[in-house]
Amino acid sequence: MAGHLATGSAPRAPSARVALALICAQLLGAACTATKPPETASGTATKDHARSAEPWLRGLAAKPQSEAENLLFYFGWAQRLPAAEGARELDAARTTCIRQRSDFNCLRYALALDATHAPADPRLADWLAPIQKNRNSPLYALAQLLSSHDVEMRRQDIQIENLQKKLDALKNLEKNMSEKAGGGR
């Protein structure tokens, strides 16, 4: 913990990751029952749902059956990216979310934030809110989970900031006491 305070980076709670993994596993099971993507008159999936060019789907024997399952594959892929690639992917997910606002793109960005251990984005809550309002959405549970996780990360960031201030105050107090002790001899 002290290493995180000194560097100013936010630690990730292992219990939050375990909870996230368990809930994702439950969502994956639930996602298997979701409906197929809408089809055009020609019988092919619409461009918005045809995501075969996405790098996290390359090499899979079976393609995801739902957007929720697709997002879970994305999260697993994004977690394994090296730092530089993760930063590029985070930027790409953010840009896509801003330019093409959809439930999928906003959740992709939320997952990229967590997978790359990036600081919280204050806009994320606003972007997840429409998904959370639609209880019939197949992505509702995932949006709820990510929103709760975002709130917890913000709470931890505030706690870390407060602890850092206390640590700095203690260091100053120690410095002042040692100066007084050294100067009074």
N, C-alpha and C. Protein backbone atom coordinates (compact mmCIF):
# COMPACT_ATOMS: atom_id res chain seq x y z
N MET A 1 0.82 -1.20 0.00
CA MET A 1 0.00 0.00 0.00
C MET A 1 0.86 1.24 0.00
N ALA A 2 1.95 1.25 0.77
CA ALA A 2 2.80 2.43 0.84
C ALA A 2 3.40 2.75 -0.52
N GLY A 3 3.72 1.74 -1.32
CA GLY A 3 4.27 1.97 -2.65
C GLY A 3 3.28 2.70 -3.54
N HIS A 4 2.01 2.36 -3.40
CA HIS A 4 0.99 3.04 -4.19
C HIS A 4 0.83 4.48 -3.74
N LEU A 5 0.95 4.72 -2.42
CA LEU A 5 0.80 6.08 -1.92
C LEU A 5 1.94 6.96 -2.38
N ALA A 6 3.13 6.41 -2.37
CA ALA A 6 4.29 7.20 -2.75
C ALA A 6 4.26 7.56 -4.23
N THR A 7 3.78 6.64 -5.06
CA THR A 7 3.76 6.90 -6.49
C THR A 7 2.50 7.62 -6.93
N GLY A 8 1.48 7.63 -6.10
CA GLY A 8 0.24 8.30 -6.45
C GLY A 8 -0.67 7.46 -7.32
N SER A 9 -0.29 6.20 -7.61
CA SER A 9 -1.14 5.36 -8.43
C SER A 9 -2.17 4.67 -7.55
N ALA A 10 -3.29 4.38 -8.14
CA ALA A 10 -4.38 3.76 -7.39
C ALA A 10 -4.20 2.25 -7.37
N PRO A 11 -4.26 1.64 -6.19
CA PRO A 11 -4.16 0.19 -6.13
C PRO A 11 -5.48 -0.44 -6.57
N ARG A 12 -5.41 -1.64 -7.06
CA ARG A 12 -6.60 -2.37 -7.45
C ARG A 12 -6.85 -3.42 -6.39
N ALA A 13 -8.02 -3.42 -5.83
CA ALA A 13 -8.36 -4.36 -4.77
C ALA A 13 -8.58 -5.75 -5.37
N PRO A 14 -7.87 -6.76 -4.85
CA PRO A 14 -8.06 -8.11 -5.37
C PRO A 14 -9.50 -8.58 -5.20
N SER A 15 -10.16 -8.20 -4.11
CA SER A 15 -11.53 -8.65 -3.90
C SER A 15 -12.46 -8.09 -4.97
N ALA A 16 -12.21 -6.89 -5.43
CA ALA A 16 -13.03 -6.30 -6.49
C ALA A 16 -12.83 -7.07 -7.79
N ARG A 17 -11.60 -7.47 -8.07
CA ARG A 17 -11.33 -8.24 -9.29
C ARG A 17 -12.00 -9.61 -9.23
N VAL A 18 -11.94 -10.25 -8.07
CA VAL A 18 -12.57 -11.56 -7.93
C VAL A 18 -14.07 -11.43 -8.12
N ALA A 19 -14.66 -10.41 -7.50
CA ALA A 19 -16.09 -10.19 -7.65
C ALA A 19 -16.45 -9.91 -9.11
N LEU A 20 -15.63 -9.10 -9.77
CA LEU A 20 -15.86 -8.79 -11.18
C LEU A 20 -15.78 -10.05 -12.03
N ALA A 21 -14.80 -10.90 -11.76
CA ALA A 21 -14.65 -12.14 -12.53
C ALA A 21 -15.84 -13.07 -12.32
N LEU A 22 -16.32 -13.17 -11.07
CA LEU A 22 -17.47 -14.03 -10.80
C LEU A 22 -18.73 -13.52 -11.48
N ILE A 23 -18.94 -12.22 -11.43
CA ILE A 23 -20.13 -11.66 -12.05
C ILE A 23 -20.03 -11.79 -13.57
N CYS A 24 -18.83 -11.59 -14.11
CA CYS A 24 -18.65 -11.76 -15.56
C CYS A 24 -18.95 -13.19 -15.98
N ALA A 25 -18.56 -14.15 -15.16
CA ALA A 25 -18.84 -15.55 -15.47
C ALA A 25 -20.35 -15.79 -15.47
N GLN A 26 -21.05 -15.19 -14.51
CA GLN A 26 -22.50 -15.32 -14.48
C GLN A 26 -23.13 -14.66 -15.70
N LEU A 27 -22.63 -13.49 -16.06
CA LEU A 27 -23.15 -12.80 -17.25
C LEU A 27 -22.89 -13.61 -18.51
N LEU A 28 -21.74 -14.25 -18.57
CA LEU A 28 -21.42 -15.07 -19.73
C LEU A 28 -22.43 -16.20 -19.87
N GLY A 29 -22.77 -16.82 -18.75
CA GLY A 29 -23.79 -17.87 -18.79
C GLY A 29 -25.14 -17.34 -19.22
N ALA A 30 -25.50 -16.17 -18.71
CA ALA A 30 -26.78 -15.57 -19.07
C ALA A 30 -26.77 -15.10 -20.52
N ALA A 31 -25.62 -14.66 -21.00
CA ALA A 31 -25.52 -14.14 -22.36
C ALA A 31 -25.74 -15.23 -23.41
N CYS A 32 -25.49 -16.45 -23.05
CA CYS A 32 -25.66 -17.54 -24.00
C CYS A 32 -27.12 -17.70 -24.42
N THR A 33 -28.05 -17.16 -23.64
CA THR A 33 -29.46 -17.26 -23.98
C THR A 33 -29.98 -16.03 -24.70
N ALA A 34 -29.11 -15.05 -24.93
CA ALA A 34 -29.53 -13.79 -25.57
C ALA A 34 -29.89 -14.03 -27.04
N THR A 35 -30.63 -13.09 -27.60
CA THR A 35 -31.06 -13.21 -28.99
C THR A 35 -29.90 -12.94 -29.94
N LYS A 36 -30.06 -13.41 -31.18
CA LYS A 36 -29.06 -13.19 -32.20
C LYS A 36 -29.15 -11.74 -32.68
N PRO A 37 -28.08 -11.23 -33.30
CA PRO A 37 -28.13 -9.86 -33.81
C PRO A 37 -29.18 -9.72 -34.90
N PRO A 38 -29.72 -8.50 -35.07
CA PRO A 38 -30.72 -8.30 -36.11
C PRO A 38 -30.13 -8.56 -37.49
N GLU A 39 -30.98 -9.00 -38.39
CA GLU A 39 -30.52 -9.30 -39.74
C GLU A 39 -31.14 -8.33 -40.73
N THR A 40 -30.45 -8.14 -41.82
CA THR A 40 -30.96 -7.28 -42.89
C THR A 40 -31.87 -8.11 -43.79
N ALA A 41 -32.41 -7.47 -44.81
CA ALA A 41 -33.29 -8.17 -45.75
C ALA A 41 -32.56 -9.30 -46.46
N SER A 42 -31.26 -9.18 -46.62
CA SER A 42 -30.50 -10.22 -47.31
C SER A 42 -30.19 -11.40 -46.40
N GLY A 43 -30.52 -11.27 -45.09
CA GLY A 43 -30.29 -12.38 -44.17
C GLY A 43 -28.95 -12.34 -43.48
N THR A 44 -28.18 -11.27 -43.66
CA THR A 44 -26.89 -11.17 -43.00
C THR A 44 -26.99 -10.22 -41.82
N ALA A 45 -26.12 -10.38 -40.88
CA ALA A 45 -26.13 -9.51 -39.70
C ALA A 45 -25.79 -8.09 -40.10
N THR A 46 -26.39 -7.13 -39.42
CA THR A 46 -26.12 -5.73 -39.73
C THR A 46 -24.68 -5.38 -39.40
N LYS A 47 -24.18 -4.33 -40.05
CA LYS A 47 -22.78 -3.92 -39.88
C LYS A 47 -22.46 -3.61 -38.43
N ASP A 48 -23.43 -3.02 -37.70
CA ASP A 48 -23.19 -2.66 -36.31
C ASP A 48 -22.90 -3.89 -35.45
N HIS A 49 -23.45 -5.02 -35.84
CA HIS A 49 -23.26 -6.23 -35.04
C HIS A 49 -22.21 -7.17 -35.63
N ALA A 50 -21.79 -6.93 -36.84
CA ALA A 50 -20.77 -7.78 -37.46
C ALA A 50 -19.41 -7.29 -36.99
N ARG A 51 -18.83 -7.97 -36.04
CA ARG A 51 -17.60 -7.51 -35.41
C ARG A 51 -16.44 -8.48 -35.66
N SER A 52 -16.46 -9.14 -36.80
CA SER A 52 -15.43 -10.14 -37.06
C SER A 52 -14.04 -9.55 -37.18
N ALA A 53 -13.94 -8.25 -37.47
CA ALA A 53 -12.63 -7.62 -37.62
C ALA A 53 -12.02 -7.25 -36.27
N GLU A 54 -12.75 -7.42 -35.21
CA GLU A 54 -12.25 -7.03 -33.90
C GLU A 54 -11.15 -7.99 -33.45
N PRO A 55 -10.01 -7.46 -33.04
CA PRO A 55 -8.86 -8.30 -32.73
C PRO A 55 -9.10 -9.30 -31.60
N TRP A 56 -9.96 -9.00 -30.66
CA TRP A 56 -10.19 -9.91 -29.54
C TRP A 56 -10.99 -11.14 -29.96
N LEU A 57 -11.52 -11.15 -31.19
CA LEU A 57 -12.27 -12.31 -31.67
C LEU A 57 -11.44 -13.20 -32.58
N ARG A 58 -10.25 -12.74 -32.95
CA ARG A 58 -9.39 -13.53 -33.83
C ARG A 58 -8.95 -14.81 -33.13
N GLY A 59 -8.99 -15.88 -33.86
CA GLY A 59 -8.52 -17.15 -33.35
C GLY A 59 -9.53 -17.91 -32.50
N LEU A 60 -10.72 -17.38 -32.33
CA LEU A 60 -11.73 -18.10 -31.55
C LEU A 60 -12.38 -19.18 -32.40
N ALA A 61 -12.59 -20.34 -31.82
CA ALA A 61 -13.26 -21.42 -32.54
C ALA A 61 -14.73 -21.07 -32.77
N ALA A 62 -15.37 -20.51 -31.76
CA ALA A 62 -16.78 -20.12 -31.87
C ALA A 62 -16.90 -18.64 -31.57
N LYS A 63 -17.64 -17.96 -32.41
CA LYS A 63 -17.84 -16.52 -32.22
C LYS A 63 -18.86 -16.30 -31.10
N PRO A 64 -18.77 -15.16 -30.43
CA PRO A 64 -19.71 -14.85 -29.35
C PRO A 64 -21.16 -14.85 -29.86
N GLN A 65 -22.06 -15.32 -29.02
CA GLN A 65 -23.47 -15.38 -29.38
C GLN A 65 -24.24 -14.12 -29.00
N SER A 66 -23.60 -13.22 -28.26
CA SER A 66 -24.27 -11.99 -27.83
C SER A 66 -23.24 -10.89 -27.65
N GLU A 67 -23.73 -9.67 -27.53
CA GLU A 67 -22.83 -8.54 -27.28
C GLU A 67 -22.18 -8.67 -25.91
N ALA A 68 -22.92 -9.19 -24.92
CA ALA A 68 -22.35 -9.36 -23.58
C ALA A 68 -21.17 -10.34 -23.62
N GLU A 69 -21.34 -11.43 -24.32
CA GLU A 69 -20.26 -12.41 -24.45
C GLU A 69 -19.08 -11.79 -25.21
N ASN A 70 -19.37 -11.02 -26.24
CA ASN A 70 -18.34 -10.34 -27.01
C ASN A 70 -17.54 -9.41 -26.09
N LEU A 71 -18.23 -8.67 -25.24
CA LEU A 71 -17.55 -7.75 -24.32
C LEU A 71 -16.68 -8.50 -23.31
N LEU A 72 -17.12 -9.67 -22.89
CA LEU A 72 -16.30 -10.45 -21.96
C LEU A 72 -15.02 -10.95 -22.64
N PHE A 73 -15.13 -11.36 -23.90
CA PHE A 73 -13.92 -11.71 -24.65
C PHE A 73 -13.01 -10.50 -24.78
N TYR A 74 -13.62 -9.34 -25.04
CA TYR A 74 -12.85 -8.10 -25.16
C TYR A 74 -12.08 -7.81 -23.87
N PHE A 75 -12.74 -7.93 -22.74
CA PHE A 75 -12.10 -7.64 -21.46
C PHE A 75 -10.90 -8.56 -21.23
N GLY A 76 -11.07 -9.84 -21.51
CA GLY A 76 -9.96 -10.78 -21.35
C GLY A 76 -8.79 -10.43 -22.25
N TRP A 77 -9.09 -10.05 -23.48
CA TRP A 77 -8.05 -9.66 -24.44
C TRP A 77 -7.36 -8.39 -23.98
N ALA A 78 -8.14 -7.38 -23.57
CA ALA A 78 -7.57 -6.09 -23.18
C ALA A 78 -6.68 -6.20 -21.94
N GLN A 79 -7.00 -7.11 -21.04
CA GLN A 79 -6.18 -7.30 -19.84
C GLN A 79 -4.78 -7.81 -20.18
N ARG A 80 -4.66 -8.54 -21.26
CA ARG A 80 -3.37 -9.14 -21.63
C ARG A 80 -2.50 -8.24 -22.49
N LEU A 81 -3.01 -7.08 -22.86
CA LEU A 81 -2.23 -6.18 -23.71
C LEU A 81 -1.06 -5.57 -22.94
N PRO A 82 0.10 -5.42 -23.59
CA PRO A 82 1.20 -4.68 -22.98
C PRO A 82 0.76 -3.23 -22.74
N ALA A 83 1.44 -2.53 -21.86
CA ALA A 83 1.03 -1.19 -21.44
C ALA A 83 0.82 -0.23 -22.61
N ALA A 84 1.76 -0.19 -23.55
CA ALA A 84 1.65 0.75 -24.67
C ALA A 84 0.44 0.42 -25.55
N GLU A 85 0.24 -0.86 -25.84
CA GLU A 85 -0.92 -1.27 -26.64
C GLU A 85 -2.21 -1.03 -25.88
N GLY A 86 -2.18 -1.25 -24.57
CA GLY A 86 -3.36 -0.99 -23.74
C GLY A 86 -3.75 0.47 -23.78
N ALA A 87 -2.77 1.35 -23.74
CA ALA A 87 -3.05 2.79 -23.80
C ALA A 87 -3.67 3.15 -25.15
N ARG A 88 -3.15 2.55 -26.23
CA ARG A 88 -3.72 2.81 -27.56
C ARG A 88 -5.15 2.28 -27.65
N GLU A 89 -5.37 1.10 -27.09
CA GLU A 89 -6.71 0.51 -27.12
C GLU A 89 -7.68 1.34 -26.29
N LEU A 90 -7.24 1.84 -25.15
CA LEU A 90 -8.09 2.69 -24.32
C LEU A 90 -8.49 3.94 -25.10
N ASP A 91 -7.53 4.54 -25.78
CA ASP A 91 -7.82 5.73 -26.58
C ASP A 91 -8.79 5.40 -27.72
N ALA A 92 -8.59 4.26 -28.36
CA ALA A 92 -9.48 3.85 -29.45
C ALA A 92 -10.90 3.59 -28.93
N ALA A 93 -11.00 2.94 -27.78
CA ALA A 93 -12.32 2.67 -27.19
C ALA A 93 -13.01 3.97 -26.80
N ARG A 94 -12.25 4.91 -26.24
CA ARG A 94 -12.82 6.22 -25.86
C ARG A 94 -13.32 6.96 -27.09
N THR A 95 -12.49 7.00 -28.13
CA THR A 95 -12.86 7.69 -29.37
C THR A 95 -14.10 7.06 -29.99
N THR A 96 -14.15 5.75 -30.03
CA THR A 96 -15.31 5.05 -30.60
C THR A 96 -16.56 5.35 -29.80
N CYS A 97 -16.45 5.37 -28.49
CA CYS A 97 -17.60 5.66 -27.63
C CYS A 97 -18.11 7.08 -27.87
N ILE A 98 -17.20 8.02 -28.04
CA ILE A 98 -17.60 9.41 -28.26
C ILE A 98 -18.23 9.58 -29.64
N ARG A 99 -17.63 8.99 -30.66
CA ARG A 99 -18.10 9.17 -32.04
C ARG A 99 -19.34 8.35 -32.38
N GLN A 100 -19.39 7.13 -31.87
CA GLN A 100 -20.50 6.22 -32.18
C GLN A 100 -21.12 5.72 -30.88
N ARG A 101 -21.85 6.59 -30.22
CA ARG A 101 -22.41 6.25 -28.91
C ARG A 101 -23.41 5.11 -29.04
N SER A 102 -23.06 3.97 -28.49
CA SER A 102 -23.94 2.81 -28.43
C SER A 102 -23.68 2.11 -27.11
N ASP A 103 -24.60 1.26 -26.70
CA ASP A 103 -24.41 0.53 -25.45
C ASP A 103 -23.12 -0.27 -25.50
N PHE A 104 -22.89 -0.96 -26.61
CA PHE A 104 -21.70 -1.79 -26.76
C PHE A 104 -20.43 -0.94 -26.63
N ASN A 105 -20.37 0.17 -27.34
CA ASN A 105 -19.16 1.00 -27.33
C ASN A 105 -18.90 1.63 -25.97
N CYS A 106 -19.96 2.05 -25.28
CA CYS A 106 -19.76 2.63 -23.94
C CYS A 106 -19.28 1.57 -22.95
N LEU A 107 -19.83 0.37 -23.04
CA LEU A 107 -19.38 -0.71 -22.15
C LEU A 107 -17.96 -1.15 -22.51
N ARG A 108 -17.65 -1.14 -23.78
CA ARG A 108 -16.27 -1.46 -24.21
C ARG A 108 -15.29 -0.48 -23.57
N TYR A 109 -15.63 0.80 -23.60
CA TYR A 109 -14.76 1.81 -23.00
C TYR A 109 -14.65 1.60 -21.49
N ALA A 110 -15.76 1.31 -20.83
CA ALA A 110 -15.73 1.07 -19.39
C ALA A 110 -14.83 -0.13 -19.06
N LEU A 111 -14.92 -1.17 -19.85
CA LEU A 111 -14.06 -2.35 -19.64
C LEU A 111 -12.61 -2.03 -19.93
N ALA A 112 -12.36 -1.21 -20.94
CA ALA A 112 -10.98 -0.82 -21.27
C ALA A 112 -10.36 -0.02 -20.13
N LEU A 113 -11.15 0.85 -19.51
CA LEU A 113 -10.65 1.61 -18.36
C LEU A 113 -10.16 0.67 -17.26
N ASP A 114 -10.97 -0.35 -16.97
CA ASP A 114 -10.59 -1.27 -15.90
C ASP A 114 -9.44 -2.18 -16.32
N ALA A 115 -9.48 -2.68 -17.54
CA ALA A 115 -8.45 -3.61 -18.00
C ALA A 115 -7.07 -2.97 -18.06
N THR A 116 -7.02 -1.67 -18.35
CA THR A 116 -5.74 -0.98 -18.47
C THR A 116 -5.36 -0.24 -17.19
N HIS A 117 -6.18 -0.37 -16.16
CA HIS A 117 -5.92 0.29 -14.86
C HIS A 117 -5.79 1.80 -15.00
N ALA A 118 -6.55 2.35 -15.91
CA ALA A 118 -6.54 3.80 -16.13
C ALA A 118 -7.37 4.50 -15.05
N PRO A 119 -7.09 5.77 -14.81
CA PRO A 119 -7.91 6.51 -13.85
C PRO A 119 -9.36 6.59 -14.33
N ALA A 120 -10.26 6.75 -13.40
CA ALA A 120 -11.69 6.83 -13.73
C ALA A 120 -11.97 8.03 -14.62
N ASP A 121 -12.95 7.88 -15.48
CA ASP A 121 -13.39 8.96 -16.36
C ASP A 121 -14.69 9.51 -15.79
N PRO A 122 -14.75 10.80 -15.47
CA PRO A 122 -15.97 11.35 -14.86
C PRO A 122 -17.20 11.25 -15.77
N ARG A 123 -17.00 11.10 -17.08
CA ARG A 123 -18.12 11.00 -18.02
C ARG A 123 -18.73 9.61 -18.05
N LEU A 124 -18.03 8.62 -17.51
CA LEU A 124 -18.47 7.24 -17.62
C LEU A 124 -19.85 7.02 -17.03
N ALA A 125 -20.13 7.59 -15.88
CA ALA A 125 -21.44 7.41 -15.24
C ALA A 125 -22.56 7.91 -16.16
N ASP A 126 -22.33 9.03 -16.82
CA ASP A 126 -23.35 9.57 -17.74
C ASP A 126 -23.54 8.66 -18.94
N TRP A 127 -22.46 8.03 -19.40
CA TRP A 127 -22.55 7.16 -20.56
C TRP A 127 -23.22 5.83 -20.23
N LEU A 128 -23.06 5.37 -18.99
CA LEU A 128 -23.67 4.10 -18.59
C LEU A 128 -25.13 4.26 -18.17
N ALA A 129 -25.52 5.46 -17.78
CA ALA A 129 -26.88 5.70 -17.26
C ALA A 129 -27.99 5.24 -18.21
N PRO A 130 -27.93 5.54 -19.51
CA PRO A 130 -29.02 5.08 -20.38
C PRO A 130 -29.15 3.55 -20.43
N ILE A 131 -28.05 2.86 -20.34
CA ILE A 131 -28.09 1.39 -20.36
C ILE A 131 -28.72 0.89 -19.07
N GLN A 132 -28.39 1.54 -17.96
CA GLN A 132 -28.91 1.13 -16.66
C GLN A 132 -30.41 1.40 -16.54
N LYS A 133 -30.93 2.32 -17.30
CA LYS A 133 -32.36 2.64 -17.24
C LYS A 133 -33.21 1.59 -17.97
N ASN A 134 -32.61 0.87 -18.91
CA ASN A 134 -33.34 -0.12 -19.69
C ASN A 134 -33.12 -1.51 -19.10
N ARG A 135 -34.00 -1.90 -18.20
CA ARG A 135 -33.86 -3.20 -17.53
C ARG A 135 -34.01 -4.39 -18.49
N ASN A 136 -34.56 -4.16 -19.66
CA ASN A 136 -34.74 -5.24 -20.63
C ASN A 136 -33.52 -5.44 -21.53
N SER A 137 -32.55 -4.55 -21.43
CA SER A 137 -31.36 -4.66 -22.25
C SER A 137 -30.54 -5.88 -21.84
N PRO A 138 -30.03 -6.62 -22.82
CA PRO A 138 -29.16 -7.76 -22.46
C PRO A 138 -27.85 -7.29 -21.82
N LEU A 139 -27.54 -6.01 -21.92
CA LEU A 139 -26.31 -5.47 -21.34
C LEU A 139 -26.57 -4.75 -20.02
N TYR A 140 -27.80 -4.79 -19.53
CA TYR A 140 -28.18 -4.09 -18.30
C TYR A 140 -27.31 -4.52 -17.11
N ALA A 141 -27.20 -5.81 -16.88
CA ALA A 141 -26.45 -6.31 -15.71
C ALA A 141 -24.98 -5.91 -15.79
N LEU A 142 -24.41 -5.98 -16.97
CA LEU A 142 -23.01 -5.60 -17.13
C LEU A 142 -22.83 -4.10 -16.87
N ALA A 143 -23.78 -3.29 -17.33
CA ALA A 143 -23.72 -1.85 -17.08
C ALA A 143 -23.82 -1.56 -15.58
N GLN A 144 -24.71 -2.28 -14.89
CA GLN A 144 -24.85 -2.11 -13.44
C GLN A 144 -23.54 -2.46 -12.74
N LEU A 145 -22.95 -3.56 -13.14
CA LEU A 145 -21.69 -4.01 -12.54
C LEU A 145 -20.59 -2.98 -12.75
N LEU A 146 -20.45 -2.51 -13.97
CA LEU A 146 -19.38 -1.56 -14.27
C LEU A 146 -19.62 -0.22 -13.60
N SER A 147 -20.86 0.18 -13.47
CA SER A 147 -21.17 1.43 -12.77
C SER A 147 -20.80 1.30 -11.29
N SER A 148 -21.16 0.19 -10.67
CA SER A 148 -20.80 -0.04 -9.27
C SER A 148 -19.29 -0.08 -9.09
N HIS A 149 -18.62 -0.72 -10.02
CA HIS A 149 -17.16 -0.80 -9.97
C HIS A 149 -16.54 0.58 -10.11
N ASP A 150 -17.09 1.40 -11.00
CA ASP A 150 -16.61 2.77 -11.19
C ASP A 150 -16.77 3.59 -9.91
N VAL A 151 -17.91 3.46 -9.26
CA VAL A 151 -18.16 4.18 -8.00
C VAL A 151 -17.15 3.74 -6.95
N GLU A 152 -16.90 2.44 -6.87
CA GLU A 152 -15.94 1.92 -5.88
C GLU A 152 -14.52 2.42 -6.17
N MET A 153 -14.14 2.46 -7.44
CA MET A 153 -12.80 2.95 -7.79
C MET A 153 -12.66 4.43 -7.45
N ARG A 154 -13.72 5.19 -7.66
CA ARG A 154 -13.69 6.62 -7.30
C ARG A 154 -13.54 6.78 -5.78
N ARG A 155 -14.29 5.95 -5.04
CA ARG A 155 -14.20 6.00 -3.57
C ARG A 155 -12.78 5.66 -3.12
N GLN A 156 -12.18 4.66 -3.73
CA GLN A 156 -10.82 4.28 -3.38
C GLN A 156 -9.83 5.38 -3.76
N ASP A 157 -10.04 6.03 -4.89
CA ASP A 157 -9.16 7.14 -5.29
C ASP A 157 -9.20 8.27 -4.27
N ILE A 158 -10.40 8.59 -3.78
CA ILE A 158 -10.54 9.64 -2.75
C ILE A 158 -9.84 9.21 -1.47
N GLN A 159 -10.02 7.95 -1.09
CA GLN A 159 -9.38 7.44 0.12
C GLN A 159 -7.85 7.48 -0.03
N ILE A 160 -7.34 7.11 -1.17
CA ILE A 160 -5.90 7.15 -1.41
C ILE A 160 -5.38 8.58 -1.33
N GLU A 161 -6.13 9.50 -1.93
CA GLU A 161 -5.74 10.91 -1.90
C GLU A 161 -5.69 11.42 -0.45
N ASN A 162 -6.69 11.06 0.33
CA ASN A 162 -6.71 11.48 1.74
C ASN A 162 -5.55 10.86 2.53
N LEU A 163 -5.27 9.60 2.27
CA LEU A 163 -4.15 8.95 2.96
C LEU A 163 -2.82 9.57 2.55
N GLN A 164 -2.70 9.93 1.27
CA GLN A 164 -1.47 10.57 0.80
C GLN A 164 -1.27 11.91 1.51
N LYS A 165 -2.35 12.67 1.68
CA LYS A 165 -2.26 13.95 2.40
C LYS A 165 -1.81 13.74 3.84
N LYS A 166 -2.35 12.71 4.48
CA LYS A 166 -1.95 12.41 5.86
C LYS A 166 -0.48 12.01 5.92
N LEU A 167 -0.05 11.20 4.97
CA LEU A 167 1.34 10.77 4.93
C LEU A 167 2.26 11.96 4.73
N ASP A 168 1.89 12.87 3.82
CA ASP A 168 2.69 14.07 3.58
C ASP A 168 2.76 14.94 4.83
N ALA A 169 1.64 15.05 5.55
CA ALA A 169 1.62 15.84 6.79
C ALA A 169 2.53 15.22 7.84
N LEU A 170 2.51 13.89 7.94
CA LEU A 170 3.40 13.21 8.89
C LEU A 170 4.87 13.41 8.52
N LYS A 171 5.17 13.35 7.23
CA LYS A 171 6.55 13.58 6.79
C LYS A 171 7.01 14.99 7.13
N ASN A 172 6.13 15.97 6.91
CA ASN A 172 6.46 17.36 7.27
C ASN A 172 6.66 17.52 8.76
N LEU A 173 5.80 16.88 9.54
CA LEU A 173 5.92 16.94 11.00
C LEU A 173 7.25 16.34 11.44
N GLU A 174 7.59 15.18 10.88
CA GLU A 174 8.86 14.53 11.21
C GLU A 174 10.04 15.42 10.83
N LYS A 175 9.97 16.03 9.66
CA LYS A 175 11.04 16.92 9.19
C LYS A 175 11.19 18.11 10.13
N ASN A 176 10.07 18.72 10.51
CA ASN A 176 10.11 19.88 11.42
C ASN A 176 10.66 19.49 12.79
N MET A 177 10.28 18.33 13.27
CA MET A 177 10.77 17.88 14.58
C MET A 177 12.27 17.61 14.54
N SER A 178 12.74 17.01 13.46
CA SER A 178 14.17 16.72 13.36
C SER A 178 14.97 18.00 13.19
N GLU A 179 14.41 19.00 12.49
CA GLU A 179 15.09 20.29 12.35
C GLU A 179 15.18 21.00 13.69
N LYS A 180 14.12 20.95 14.48
CA LYS A 180 14.12 21.59 15.80
C LYS A 180 15.09 20.88 16.74
N ALA A 181 15.12 19.55 16.65
CA ALA A 181 16.02 18.79 17.51
C ALA A 181 17.47 19.04 17.12
N GLY A 182 17.75 19.16 15.84
CA GLY A 182 19.12 19.41 15.36
C GLY A 182 19.55 20.85 15.59
N GLY A 183 18.64 21.80 15.50
CA GLY A 183 18.97 23.23 15.64
C GLY A 183 19.09 23.65 17.09
N GLY A 184 18.52 22.91 18.02
CA GLY A 184 18.53 23.30 19.43
C GLY A 184 19.75 22.83 20.18
N ARG A 185 20.70 22.19 19.57
CA ARG A 185 21.88 21.65 20.26
C ARG A 185 22.94 22.64 20.43
